[in-house]
Amino acid sequence: MALDHQHFSLQSALEDIWNREGFLTLEQQGLIERSLGRGGAPEGEHELDQLHQAVTYCNALNRIGSGDVHWLTADGQSFPEITATYIHKVATKLHNYDGALPDAFEAALVGFIKTTRSHVATLNYDKLLYNSFIDKDIFSGYSGYLVDGMLESGFSADALERKYGNNFGYYLHLHGSPLFVNRNQEVVKLSRQQLTVDRNEASEHIVLTHVKHKPSVIAASNALSTYWDYLQFTLSEAEEIILFGYSGLDNHLNLLLRPYLNSKPLRVVEWSGAGEQVERETYWRTTLGQSVGVVRLDNITDFTQW
């Protein structure tokens, strides 16, 4: 958002994909609108509660409704898949940003990770960090500094285990990525060149829903649930925790963080427009149950003091 507010606006991406020519039919839009209780595209994660519930109900009826006369119409039967495809296209649009990280920010972060092999856990699905870490050899198989368990054959939890003296850190895609798709019962990672909004993928490995449904989406994905399991391990290893550009609104993450903050320092780096210093310190102390060092910047990519 600090680099390109318009591109990374979720509301804009939801609207753009909604209006994409040749994608959603009027009937499919109508079903989504009925789940929202109003006309038009969803305006953000806060509006995806009813949509998530509708998909859950349709999935249940699809499992039990087959027979001479299905419990759902053809549009109802396809509703979960078209909704997942819509979400995947929205995530893809957000992910496919042509810009790059500022040089000073990138150099400081890459240098810090190479020196410390610090773990990185992301809550979004843009490719800024991912591109940088590939280009700067942060990712380089088991000889790299971080691993994410994604092999050429697909995701493997076993690939995250440190063996043979390896001391790599972890890159955990906590809310998934549009690069992750299902192929023959395996979660595989598309190449960066393969991912376009023209692809019709119904990915199960993107957390883009109302906050109260995020844990169930995570639990349904073998890859994402594994990342969350490893998050607890990485927090136990960490000497310090830095929350960078995080809103504090994901309660499932806050609850997981709280036990580790009794013995580890925490810094929050955030946009100065979120509020004044005392106000933000109070917000984070209430959210996480501990005093927090809050660094407020007009542009958080000016931060280099890792």
C-alpha atoms as a PDB file:
ATOM      1  CA  MET A   1       0.000   0.000   0.000  1.00  0.00           C
ATOM      2  CA  ALA A   2       2.943   2.321   0.695  1.00  0.00           C
ATOM      3  CA  LEU A   3       4.200   1.756  -2.861  1.00  0.00           C
ATOM      4  CA  ASP A   4       0.936   1.792  -4.823  1.00  0.00           C
ATOM      5  CA  HIS A   5      -2.287   2.421  -2.937  1.00  0.00           C
ATOM      6  CA  GLN A   6      -4.476   1.972  -6.001  1.00  0.00           C
ATOM      7  CA  HIS A   7      -2.996  -1.345  -7.128  1.00  0.00           C
ATOM      8  CA  PHE A   8      -3.110  -2.929  -3.676  1.00  0.00           C
ATOM      9  CA  SER A   9      -6.634  -1.771  -2.867  1.00  0.00           C
ATOM     10  CA  LEU A  10      -8.693  -4.908  -2.199  1.00  0.00           C
ATOM     11  CA  GLN A  11     -11.915  -3.060  -2.975  1.00  0.00           C
ATOM     12  CA  SER A  12     -10.591  -2.015  -6.402  1.00  0.00           C
ATOM     13  CA  ALA A  13      -9.413  -5.544  -7.191  1.00  0.00           C
ATOM     14  CA  LEU A  14     -12.771  -7.055  -6.202  1.00  0.00           C
ATOM     15  CA  GLU A  15     -14.548  -4.538  -8.447  1.00  0.00           C
ATOM     16  CA  ASP A  16     -12.173  -4.968 -11.388  1.00  0.00           C
ATOM     17  CA  ILE A  17     -12.490  -8.766 -11.474  1.00  0.00           C
ATOM     18  CA  TRP A  18     -16.261  -8.506 -10.960  1.00  0.00           C
ATOM     19  CA  ASN A  19     -16.503  -6.399 -14.121  1.00  0.00           C
ATOM     20  CA  ARG A  20     -13.986  -8.445 -16.110  1.00  0.00           C
ATOM     21  CA  GLU A  21     -15.485  -9.180 -19.510  1.00  0.00           C
ATOM     22  CA  GLY A  22     -16.292 -12.839 -20.148  1.00  0.00           C
ATOM     23  CA  PHE A  23     -15.846 -13.991 -16.556  1.00  0.00           C
ATOM     24  CA  LEU A  24     -18.899 -13.897 -14.267  1.00  0.00           C
ATOM     25  CA  THR A  25     -22.297 -14.369 -15.893  1.00  0.00           C
ATOM     26  CA  LEU A  26     -25.236 -12.264 -14.750  1.00  0.00           C
ATOM     27  CA  GLU A  27     -26.652 -15.358 -13.043  1.00  0.00           C
ATOM     28  CA  GLN A  28     -23.401 -15.964 -11.146  1.00  0.00           C
ATOM     29  CA  GLN A  29     -23.188 -12.317 -10.137  1.00  0.00           C
ATOM     30  CA  GLY A  30     -26.783 -12.545  -8.976  1.00  0.00           C
ATOM     31  CA  LEU A  31     -26.020 -15.478  -6.672  1.00  0.00           C
ATOM     32  CA  ILE A  32     -23.089 -13.603  -5.129  1.00  0.00           C
ATOM     33  CA  GLU A  33     -25.221 -10.482  -4.734  1.00  0.00           C
ATOM     34  CA  ARG A  34     -27.935 -12.471  -2.960  1.00  0.00           C
ATOM     35  CA  SER A  35     -25.366 -13.820  -0.494  1.00  0.00           C
ATOM     36  CA  LEU A  36     -24.146 -10.249   0.137  1.00  0.00           C
ATOM     37  CA  GLY A  37     -27.689  -8.908   0.509  1.00  0.00           C
ATOM     38  CA  ARG A  38     -27.108  -6.111  -1.998  1.00  0.00           C
ATOM     39  CA  GLY A  39     -26.138  -5.466  -5.596  1.00  0.00           C
ATOM     40  CA  GLY A  40     -22.595  -5.150  -6.902  1.00  0.00           C
ATOM     41  CA  ALA A  41     -19.217  -6.591  -6.049  1.00  0.00           C
ATOM     42  CA  PRO A  42     -17.989  -7.290  -2.504  1.00  0.00           C
ATOM     43  CA  GLU A  43     -16.215  -4.256  -1.085  1.00  0.00           C
ATOM     44  CA  GLY A  44     -13.762  -5.981   1.234  1.00  0.00           C
ATOM     45  CA  GLU A  45     -13.114  -8.935   3.520  1.00  0.00           C
ATOM     46  CA  HIS A  46     -15.734  -7.647   5.944  1.00  0.00           C
ATOM     47  CA  GLU A  47     -18.437  -8.363   3.314  1.00  0.00           C
ATOM     48  CA  LEU A  48     -17.395 -11.928   2.608  1.00  0.00           C
ATOM     49  CA  ASP A  49     -19.053 -13.496   5.671  1.00  0.00           C
ATOM     50  CA  GLN A  50     -22.338 -14.440   4.004  1.00  0.00           C
ATOM     51  CA  LEU A  51     -20.543 -15.430   0.811  1.00  0.00           C
ATOM     52  CA  HIS A  52     -18.348 -17.871   2.722  1.00  0.00           C
ATOM     53  CA  GLN A  53     -21.380 -19.362   4.434  1.00  0.00           C
ATOM     54  CA  ALA A  54     -23.212 -19.754   1.109  1.00  0.00           C
ATOM     55  CA  VAL A  55     -20.230 -21.611  -0.349  1.00  0.00           C
ATOM     56  CA  THR A  56     -20.108 -23.884   2.712  1.00  0.00           C
ATOM     57  CA  TYR A  57     -23.810 -24.729   2.374  1.00  0.00           C
ATOM     58  CA  CYS A  58     -23.482 -25.402  -1.356  1.00  0.00           C
ATOM     59  CA  ASN A  59     -20.512 -27.690  -0.755  1.00  0.00           C
ATOM     60  CA  ALA A  60     -22.559 -29.636   1.805  1.00  0.00           C
ATOM     61  CA  LEU A  61     -25.545 -29.940  -0.532  1.00  0.00           C
ATOM     62  CA  ASN A  62     -23.267 -31.002  -3.378  1.00  0.00           C
ATOM     63  CA  ARG A  63     -21.986 -33.850  -1.210  1.00  0.00           C
ATOM     64  CA  ILE A  64     -25.434 -35.148  -0.300  1.00  0.00           C
ATOM     65  CA  GLY A  65     -27.626 -33.856  -3.100  1.00  0.00           C
ATOM     66  CA  SER A  66     -26.753 -36.077  -6.040  1.00  0.00           C
ATOM     67  CA  GLY A  67     -29.454 -38.343  -7.480  1.00  0.00           C
ATOM     68  CA  ASP A  68     -32.222 -38.161 -10.037  1.00  0.00           C
ATOM     69  CA  VAL A  69     -32.991 -34.608  -8.954  1.00  0.00           C
ATOM     70  CA  HIS A  70     -30.150 -32.611  -7.377  1.00  0.00           C
ATOM     71  CA  TRP A  71     -30.925 -30.397  -4.402  1.00  0.00           C
ATOM     72  CA  LEU A  72     -29.235 -27.464  -6.198  1.00  0.00           C
ATOM     73  CA  THR A  73     -29.587 -25.931  -9.635  1.00  0.00           C
ATOM     74  CA  ALA A  74     -26.609 -26.127 -11.988  1.00  0.00           C
ATOM     75  CA  ASP A  75     -25.602 -22.598 -10.945  1.00  0.00           C
ATOM     76  CA  GLY A  76     -25.865 -23.594  -7.285  1.00  0.00           C
ATOM     77  CA  GLN A  77     -23.740 -26.672  -7.845  1.00  0.00           C
ATOM     78  CA  SER A  78     -21.004 -24.600  -9.495  1.00  0.00           C
ATOM     79  CA  PHE A  79     -21.247 -21.722  -6.998  1.00  0.00           C
ATOM     80  CA  PRO A  80     -18.328 -22.857  -4.781  1.00  0.00           C
ATOM     81  CA  GLU A  81     -16.010 -23.286  -7.762  1.00  0.00           C
ATOM     82  CA  ILE A  82     -16.907 -19.989  -9.441  1.00  0.00           C
ATOM     83  CA  THR A  83     -16.553 -18.171  -6.116  1.00  0.00           C
ATOM     84  CA  ALA A  84     -13.127 -19.741  -5.506  1.00  0.00           C
ATOM     85  CA  THR A  85     -12.117 -18.765  -9.047  1.00  0.00           C
ATOM     86  CA  TYR A  86     -13.271 -15.187  -8.408  1.00  0.00           C
ATOM     87  CA  ILE A  87     -11.210 -15.034  -5.222  1.00  0.00           C
ATOM     88  CA  HIS A  88      -8.191 -16.495  -7.030  1.00  0.00           C
ATOM     89  CA  LYS A  89      -8.395 -13.894  -9.786  1.00  0.00           C
ATOM     90  CA  VAL A  90      -8.660 -11.100  -7.216  1.00  0.00           C
ATOM     91  CA  ALA A  91      -5.594 -12.432  -5.383  1.00  0.00           C
ATOM     92  CA  THR A  92      -3.773 -12.776  -8.705  1.00  0.00           C
ATOM     93  CA  LYS A  93      -4.469  -9.156  -9.604  1.00  0.00           C
ATOM     94  CA  LEU A  94      -3.100  -8.030  -6.239  1.00  0.00           C
ATOM     95  CA  HIS A  95      -0.111 -10.359  -6.556  1.00  0.00           C
ATOM     96  CA  ASN A  96       0.932  -9.324 -10.068  1.00  0.00           C
ATOM     97  CA  TYR A  97       2.497  -5.980  -9.335  1.00  0.00           C
ATOM     98  CA  ASP A  98       5.180  -4.832 -11.764  1.00  0.00           C
ATOM     99  CA  GLY A  99       7.016  -2.583  -9.328  1.00  0.00           C
ATOM    100  CA  ALA A 100       9.873  -3.474  -6.998  1.00  0.00           C
ATOM    101  CA  LEU A 101      10.946  -2.834  -3.440  1.00  0.00           C
ATOM    102  CA  PRO A 102      12.921   0.376  -2.813  1.00  0.00           C
ATOM    103  CA  ASP A 103      16.630  -0.349  -3.063  1.00  0.00           C
ATOM    104  CA  ALA A 104      17.569   0.737   0.471  1.00  0.00           C
ATOM    105  CA  PHE A 105      14.714  -1.217   2.056  1.00  0.00           C
ATOM    106  CA  GLU A 106      15.506  -4.333   0.039  1.00  0.00           C
ATOM    107  CA  ALA A 107      19.230  -4.184   0.738  1.00  0.00           C
ATOM    108  CA  ALA A 108      18.703  -3.811   4.486  1.00  0.00           C
ATOM    109  CA  LEU A 109      16.141  -6.623   4.685  1.00  0.00           C
ATOM    110  CA  VAL A 110      18.083  -9.050   2.495  1.00  0.00           C
ATOM    111  CA  GLY A 111      21.287  -8.355   4.403  1.00  0.00           C
ATOM    112  CA  PHE A 112      19.518  -8.912   7.717  1.00  0.00           C
ATOM    113  CA  ILE A 113      18.084 -12.259   6.628  1.00  0.00           C
ATOM    114  CA  LYS A 114      21.355 -13.486   5.186  1.00  0.00           C
ATOM    115  CA  THR A 115      23.129 -12.568   8.418  1.00  0.00           C
ATOM    116  CA  THR A 116      20.566 -13.981  10.828  1.00  0.00           C
ATOM    117  CA  ARG A 117      18.501 -16.501   8.758  1.00  0.00           C
ATOM    118  CA  SER A 118      15.495 -14.922  10.416  1.00  0.00           C
ATOM    119  CA  HIS A 119      12.126 -16.461   9.706  1.00  0.00           C
ATOM    120  CA  VAL A 120       9.623 -14.560   7.567  1.00  0.00           C
ATOM    121  CA  ALA A 121       5.863 -15.082   7.715  1.00  0.00           C
ATOM    122  CA  THR A 122       3.584 -13.220   5.320  1.00  0.00           C
ATOM    123  CA  LEU A 123      -0.119 -12.435   5.528  1.00  0.00           C
ATOM    124  CA  ASN A 124      -0.576 -11.211   1.963  1.00  0.00           C
ATOM    125  CA  TYR A 125       0.029 -12.550  -1.527  1.00  0.00           C
ATOM    126  CA  ASP A 126       2.007  -9.919  -3.386  1.00  0.00           C
ATOM    127  CA  LYS A 127       5.222 -10.913  -5.081  1.00  0.00           C
ATOM    128  CA  LEU A 128       7.428  -8.067  -3.897  1.00  0.00           C
ATOM    129  CA  LEU A 129       9.235 -10.055  -1.228  1.00  0.00           C
ATOM    130  CA  TYR A 130       9.049 -13.261  -3.219  1.00  0.00           C
ATOM    131  CA  ASN A 131      10.709 -11.800  -6.312  1.00  0.00           C
ATOM    132  CA  SER A 132      13.385 -10.132  -4.239  1.00  0.00           C
ATOM    133  CA  PHE A 133      14.182 -13.268  -2.249  1.00  0.00           C
ATOM    134  CA  ILE A 134      14.490 -15.366  -5.404  1.00  0.00           C
ATOM    135  CA  ASP A 135      16.647 -12.803  -7.204  1.00  0.00           C
ATOM    136  CA  LYS A 136      18.886 -12.279  -4.162  1.00  0.00           C
ATOM    137  CA  ASP A 137      19.380 -16.027  -3.504  1.00  0.00           C
ATOM    138  CA  ILE A 138      17.435 -16.047  -0.239  1.00  0.00           C
ATOM    139  CA  PHE A 139      15.602 -18.958  -1.864  1.00  0.00           C
ATOM    140  CA  SER A 140      18.039 -21.423  -3.393  1.00  0.00           C
ATOM    141  CA  GLY A 141      16.952 -24.927  -2.525  1.00  0.00           C
ATOM    142  CA  TYR A 142      18.476 -26.286   0.668  1.00  0.00           C
ATOM    143  CA  SER A 143      21.569 -24.159   0.122  1.00  0.00           C
ATOM    144  CA  GLY A 144      19.461 -20.998   0.488  1.00  0.00           C
ATOM    145  CA  TYR A 145      18.686 -19.039   3.633  1.00  0.00           C
ATOM    146  CA  LEU A 146      14.934 -19.753   3.784  1.00  0.00           C
ATOM    147  CA  VAL A 147      12.702 -22.613   2.616  1.00  0.00           C
ATOM    148  CA  ASP A 148       8.927 -22.831   2.186  1.00  0.00           C
ATOM    149  CA  GLY A 149       8.442 -26.558   1.585  1.00  0.00           C
ATOM    150  CA  MET A 150       7.562 -26.127  -2.080  1.00  0.00           C
ATOM    151  CA  LEU A 151       9.409 -28.640  -4.266  1.00  0.00           C
ATOM    152  CA  GLU A 152       9.094 -29.242  -8.012  1.00  0.00           C
ATOM    153  CA  SER A 153       6.816 -32.171  -7.184  1.00  0.00           C
ATOM    154  CA  GLY A 154       4.634 -30.023  -4.915  1.00  0.00           C
ATOM    155  CA  PHE A 155       4.352 -29.017  -1.279  1.00  0.00           C
ATOM    156  CA  SER A 156       5.927 -31.354   1.264  1.00  0.00           C
ATOM    157  CA  ALA A 157       5.822 -30.875   5.017  1.00  0.00           C
ATOM    158  CA  ASP A 158       8.833 -33.206   5.191  1.00  0.00           C
ATOM    159  CA  ALA A 159      10.810 -30.700   3.131  1.00  0.00           C
ATOM    160  CA  LEU A 160      10.590 -28.250   6.034  1.00  0.00           C
ATOM    161  CA  GLU A 161      12.468 -30.536   8.391  1.00  0.00           C
ATOM    162  CA  ARG A 162      16.072 -29.561   9.049  1.00  0.00           C
ATOM    163  CA  LYS A 163      18.313 -32.494   8.217  1.00  0.00           C
ATOM    164  CA  TYR A 164      21.990 -33.120   7.490  1.00  0.00           C
ATOM    165  CA  GLY A 165      23.126 -30.067   9.431  1.00  0.00           C
ATOM    166  CA  ASN A 166      20.937 -27.597   7.543  1.00  0.00           C
ATOM    167  CA  ASN A 167      20.234 -24.396   9.462  1.00  0.00           C
ATOM    168  CA  PHE A 168      17.850 -22.609   7.114  1.00  0.00           C
ATOM    169  CA  GLY A 169      15.049 -20.384   8.314  1.00  0.00           C
ATOM    170  CA  TYR A 170      11.430 -20.557   7.211  1.00  0.00           C
ATOM    171  CA  TYR A 171       9.335 -18.523   4.823  1.00  0.00           C
ATOM    172  CA  LEU A 172       5.729 -19.149   5.825  1.00  0.00           C
ATOM    173  CA  HIS A 173       2.898 -18.133   3.489  1.00  0.00           C
ATOM    174  CA  LEU A 174       0.359 -17.929   6.324  1.00  0.00           C
ATOM    175  CA  HIS A 175      -2.489 -16.728   4.122  1.00  0.00           C
ATOM    176  CA  GLY A 176      -1.429 -18.617   1.048  1.00  0.00           C
ATOM    177  CA  SER A 177      -0.647 -17.473  -2.462  1.00  0.00           C
ATOM    178  CA  PRO A 178      -2.377 -17.491  -5.853  1.00  0.00           C
ATOM    179  CA  LEU A 179       0.702 -19.394  -7.020  1.00  0.00           C
ATOM    180  CA  PHE A 180      -0.508 -22.437  -5.038  1.00  0.00           C
ATOM    181  CA  VAL A 181      -2.912 -24.669  -6.973  1.00  0.00           C
ATOM    182  CA  ASN A 182      -4.087 -28.283  -6.796  1.00  0.00           C
ATOM    183  CA  ARG A 183      -2.774 -30.826  -9.276  1.00  0.00           C
ATOM    184  CA  ASN A 184      -3.534 -34.548  -8.827  1.00  0.00           C
ATOM    185  CA  GLN A 185      -4.054 -34.324  -5.062  1.00  0.00           C
ATOM    186  CA  GLU A 186      -0.872 -32.282  -4.652  1.00  0.00           C
ATOM    187  CA  VAL A 187      -0.397 -28.586  -3.885  1.00  0.00           C
ATOM    188  CA  VAL A 188       2.002 -27.265  -6.517  1.00  0.00           C
ATOM    189  CA  LYS A 189       3.442 -23.817  -7.091  1.00  0.00           C
ATOM    190  CA  LEU A 190       2.986 -22.124 -10.445  1.00  0.00           C
ATOM    191  CA  SER A 191       5.922 -20.254 -11.906  1.00  0.00           C
ATOM    192  CA  ARG A 192       5.657 -16.480 -11.718  1.00  0.00           C
ATOM    193  CA  GLN A 193       5.239 -16.347 -15.499  1.00  0.00           C
ATOM    194  CA  GLN A 194       2.282 -18.741 -15.421  1.00  0.00           C
ATOM    195  CA  LEU A 195       0.155 -16.659 -13.086  1.00  0.00           C
ATOM    196  CA  THR A 196      -2.219 -14.321 -14.912  1.00  0.00           C
ATOM    197  CA  VAL A 197      -5.824 -13.246 -14.349  1.00  0.00           C
ATOM    198  CA  ASP A 198      -6.695 -15.187 -17.522  1.00  0.00           C
ATOM    199  CA  ARG A 199      -6.203 -18.456 -15.635  1.00  0.00           C
ATOM    200  CA  ASN A 200      -9.358 -20.073 -14.294  1.00  0.00           C
ATOM    201  CA  GLU A 201      -8.132 -21.617 -11.061  1.00  0.00           C
ATOM    202  CA  ALA A 202     -10.337 -22.440  -8.090  1.00  0.00           C
ATOM    203  CA  SER A 203      -7.564 -22.382  -5.512  1.00  0.00           C
ATOM    204  CA  GLU A 204      -8.181 -23.614  -1.972  1.00  0.00           C
ATOM    205  CA  HIS A 205      -4.977 -22.058  -0.678  1.00  0.00           C
ATOM    206  CA  ILE A 206      -5.803 -18.346  -0.391  1.00  0.00           C
ATOM    207  CA  VAL A 207      -7.140 -16.774   2.798  1.00  0.00           C
ATOM    208  CA  LEU A 208      -9.342 -13.972   1.509  1.00  0.00           C
ATOM    209  CA  THR A 209     -12.525 -14.033   3.576  1.00  0.00           C
ATOM    210  CA  HIS A 210     -14.184 -12.556   6.644  1.00  0.00           C
ATOM    211  CA  VAL A 211     -11.822 -12.716   9.602  1.00  0.00           C
ATOM    212  CA  LYS A 212     -13.951 -15.195  11.561  1.00  0.00           C
ATOM    213  CA  HIS A 213     -13.738 -17.756   8.733  1.00  0.00           C
ATOM    214  CA  LYS A 214      -9.976 -17.534   8.189  1.00  0.00           C
ATOM    215  CA  PRO A 215      -9.122 -20.389  10.603  1.00  0.00           C
ATOM    216  CA  SER A 216     -11.439 -22.795   8.756  1.00  0.00           C
ATOM    217  CA  VAL A 217      -9.888 -21.893   5.380  1.00  0.00           C
ATOM    218  CA  ILE A 218      -6.426 -22.463   6.846  1.00  0.00           C
ATOM    219  CA  ALA A 219      -7.453 -25.795   8.362  1.00  0.00           C
ATOM    220  CA  ALA A 220      -8.803 -26.994   4.998  1.00  0.00           C
ATOM    221  CA  SER A 221      -5.404 -26.544   3.305  1.00  0.00           C
ATOM    222  CA  ASN A 222      -2.601 -28.970   4.109  1.00  0.00           C
ATOM    223  CA  ALA A 223       0.012 -26.414   3.065  1.00  0.00           C
ATOM    224  CA  LEU A 224      -1.416 -23.496   5.039  1.00  0.00           C
ATOM    225  CA  SER A 225      -2.112 -25.524   8.174  1.00  0.00           C
ATOM    226  CA  THR A 226       1.483 -26.761   8.070  1.00  0.00           C
ATOM    227  CA  TYR A 227       2.762 -23.187   7.845  1.00  0.00           C
ATOM    228  CA  TRP A 228       0.725 -22.246  10.914  1.00  0.00           C
ATOM    229  CA  ASP A 229       2.104 -25.245  12.795  1.00  0.00           C
ATOM    230  CA  TYR A 230       5.627 -24.118  11.939  1.00  0.00           C
ATOM    231  CA  LEU A 231       4.819 -20.545  12.959  1.00  0.00           C
ATOM    232  CA  GLN A 232       4.688 -21.689  16.572  1.00  0.00           C
ATOM    233  CA  PHE A 233       8.099 -23.315  16.187  1.00  0.00           C
ATOM    234  CA  THR A 234       9.593 -20.203  14.575  1.00  0.00           C
ATOM    235  CA  LEU A 235       8.201 -18.008  17.347  1.00  0.00           C
ATOM    236  CA  SER A 236       9.805 -20.259  19.947  1.00  0.00           C
ATOM    237  CA  GLU A 237      13.167 -19.849  18.182  1.00  0.00           C
ATOM    238  CA  ALA A 238      12.915 -16.106  17.651  1.00  0.00           C
ATOM    239  CA  GLU A 239      14.906 -13.662  19.761  1.00  0.00           C
ATOM    240  CA  GLU A 240      12.658 -10.778  18.697  1.00  0.00           C
ATOM    241  CA  ILE A 241       9.367 -10.447  16.828  1.00  0.00           C
ATOM    242  CA  ILE A 242       8.787  -7.655  14.310  1.00  0.00           C
ATOM    243  CA  LEU A 243       5.288  -6.999  12.977  1.00  0.00           C
ATOM    244  CA  PHE A 244       5.644  -5.031   9.776  1.00  0.00           C
ATOM    245  CA  GLY A 245       2.624  -3.372   8.171  1.00  0.00           C
ATOM    246  CA  TYR A 246       0.178  -5.554  10.107  1.00  0.00           C
ATOM    247  CA  SER A 247      -3.228  -4.156  11.095  1.00  0.00           C
ATOM    248  CA  GLY A 248      -3.689  -6.299  14.188  1.00  0.00           C
ATOM    249  CA  LEU A 249      -7.142  -7.366  13.020  1.00  0.00           C
ATOM    250  CA  ASP A 250      -6.526 -11.124  12.620  1.00  0.00           C
ATOM    251  CA  ASN A 251      -7.547 -12.476  16.015  1.00  0.00           C
ATOM    252  CA  HIS A 252      -6.361 -15.997  15.207  1.00  0.00           C
ATOM    253  CA  LEU A 253      -2.825 -14.647  14.785  1.00  0.00           C
ATOM    254  CA  ASN A 254      -3.009 -12.413  17.856  1.00  0.00           C
ATOM    255  CA  LEU A 255      -4.033 -15.339  20.049  1.00  0.00           C
ATOM    256  CA  LEU A 256      -1.129 -17.406  18.745  1.00  0.00           C
ATOM    257  CA  LEU A 257       1.368 -14.560  19.327  1.00  0.00           C
ATOM    258  CA  ARG A 258       0.344 -13.679  22.873  1.00  0.00           C
ATOM    259  CA  PRO A 259       2.063 -16.557  24.766  1.00  0.00           C
ATOM    260  CA  TYR A 260       5.414 -15.803  23.151  1.00  0.00           C
ATOM    261  CA  LEU A 261       5.381 -12.099  24.022  1.00  0.00           C
ATOM    262  CA  ASN A 262       5.978 -12.705  27.729  1.00  0.00           C
ATOM    263  CA  SER A 263       9.632 -13.468  27.046  1.00  0.00           C
ATOM    264  CA  LYS A 264      10.412 -11.850  23.681  1.00  0.00           C
ATOM    265  CA  PRO A 265      10.610  -8.186  22.659  1.00  0.00           C
ATOM    266  CA  LEU A 266       8.140  -7.041  20.027  1.00  0.00           C
ATOM    267  CA  ARG A 267       8.364  -4.144  17.601  1.00  0.00           C
ATOM    268  CA  VAL A 268       5.544  -2.924  15.394  1.00  0.00           C
ATOM    269  CA  VAL A 269       6.392  -0.948  12.261  1.00  0.00           C
ATOM    270  CA  GLU A 270       3.355   0.788  10.812  1.00  0.00           C
ATOM    271  CA  TRP A 271       2.057   3.742   8.824  1.00  0.00           C
ATOM    272  CA  SER A 272       1.931   6.992  10.784  1.00  0.00           C
ATOM    273  CA  GLY A 273      -1.563   7.661   9.450  1.00  0.00           C
ATOM    274  CA  ALA A 274      -2.942   4.849  11.619  1.00  0.00           C
ATOM    275  CA  GLY A 275      -2.944   7.168  14.647  1.00  0.00           C
ATOM    276  CA  GLU A 276      -0.829   9.071  17.155  1.00  0.00           C
ATOM    277  CA  GLN A 277       1.954   7.410  19.158  1.00  0.00           C
ATOM    278  CA  VAL A 278       0.167   7.026  22.499  1.00  0.00           C
ATOM    279  CA  GLU A 279      -3.028   5.925  20.768  1.00  0.00           C
ATOM    280  CA  ARG A 280      -1.218   3.226  18.811  1.00  0.00           C
ATOM    281  CA  GLU A 281       0.767   1.982  21.796  1.00  0.00           C
ATOM    282  CA  THR A 282      -2.522   1.607  23.676  1.00  0.00           C
ATOM    283  CA  TYR A 283      -4.104  -0.203  20.729  1.00  0.00           C
ATOM    284  CA  TRP A 284      -1.295  -2.737  20.468  1.00  0.00           C
ATOM    285  CA  ARG A 285      -1.074  -3.260  24.237  1.00  0.00           C
ATOM    286  CA  THR A 286      -4.811  -4.005  24.261  1.00  0.00           C
ATOM    287  CA  THR A 287      -4.584  -6.225  21.172  1.00  0.00           C
ATOM    288  CA  LEU A 288      -1.588  -8.291  22.262  1.00  0.00           C
ATOM    289  CA  GLY A 289      -1.621  -7.956  26.048  1.00  0.00           C
ATOM    290  CA  GLN A 290       1.924  -6.579  26.272  1.00  0.00           C
ATOM    291  CA  SER A 291       3.703  -3.275  25.924  1.00  0.00           C
ATOM    292  CA  VAL A 292       4.939  -2.852  22.367  1.00  0.00           C
ATOM    293  CA  GLY A 293       7.549  -0.648  20.743  1.00  0.00           C
ATOM    294  CA  VAL A 294       5.697   1.140  17.934  1.00  0.00           C
ATOM    295  CA  VAL A 295       7.666   2.660  15.047  1.00  0.00           C
ATOM    296  CA  ARG A 296       5.466   4.977  12.958  1.00  0.00           C
ATOM    297  CA  LEU A 297       6.606   6.111   9.506  1.00  0.00           C
ATOM    298  CA  ASP A 298       4.988   8.160   6.756  1.00  0.00           C
ATOM    299  CA  ASN A 299       6.175   5.421   4.398  1.00  0.00           C
ATOM    300  CA  ILE A 300       7.003   2.106   6.052  1.00  0.00           C
ATOM    301  CA  THR A 301       9.385   1.126   3.237  1.00  0.00           C
ATOM    302  CA  ASP A 302      11.746   3.783   4.649  1.00  0.00           C
ATOM    303  CA  PHE A 303      12.397   1.351   7.513  1.00  0.00           C
ATOM    304  CA  THR A 304      15.912  -0.133   7.440  1.00  0.00           C
ATOM    305  CA  GLN A 305      16.677  -0.815  11.147  1.00  0.00           C
ATOM    306  CA  TRP A 306      16.074  -4.556  11.222  1.00  0.00           C
END
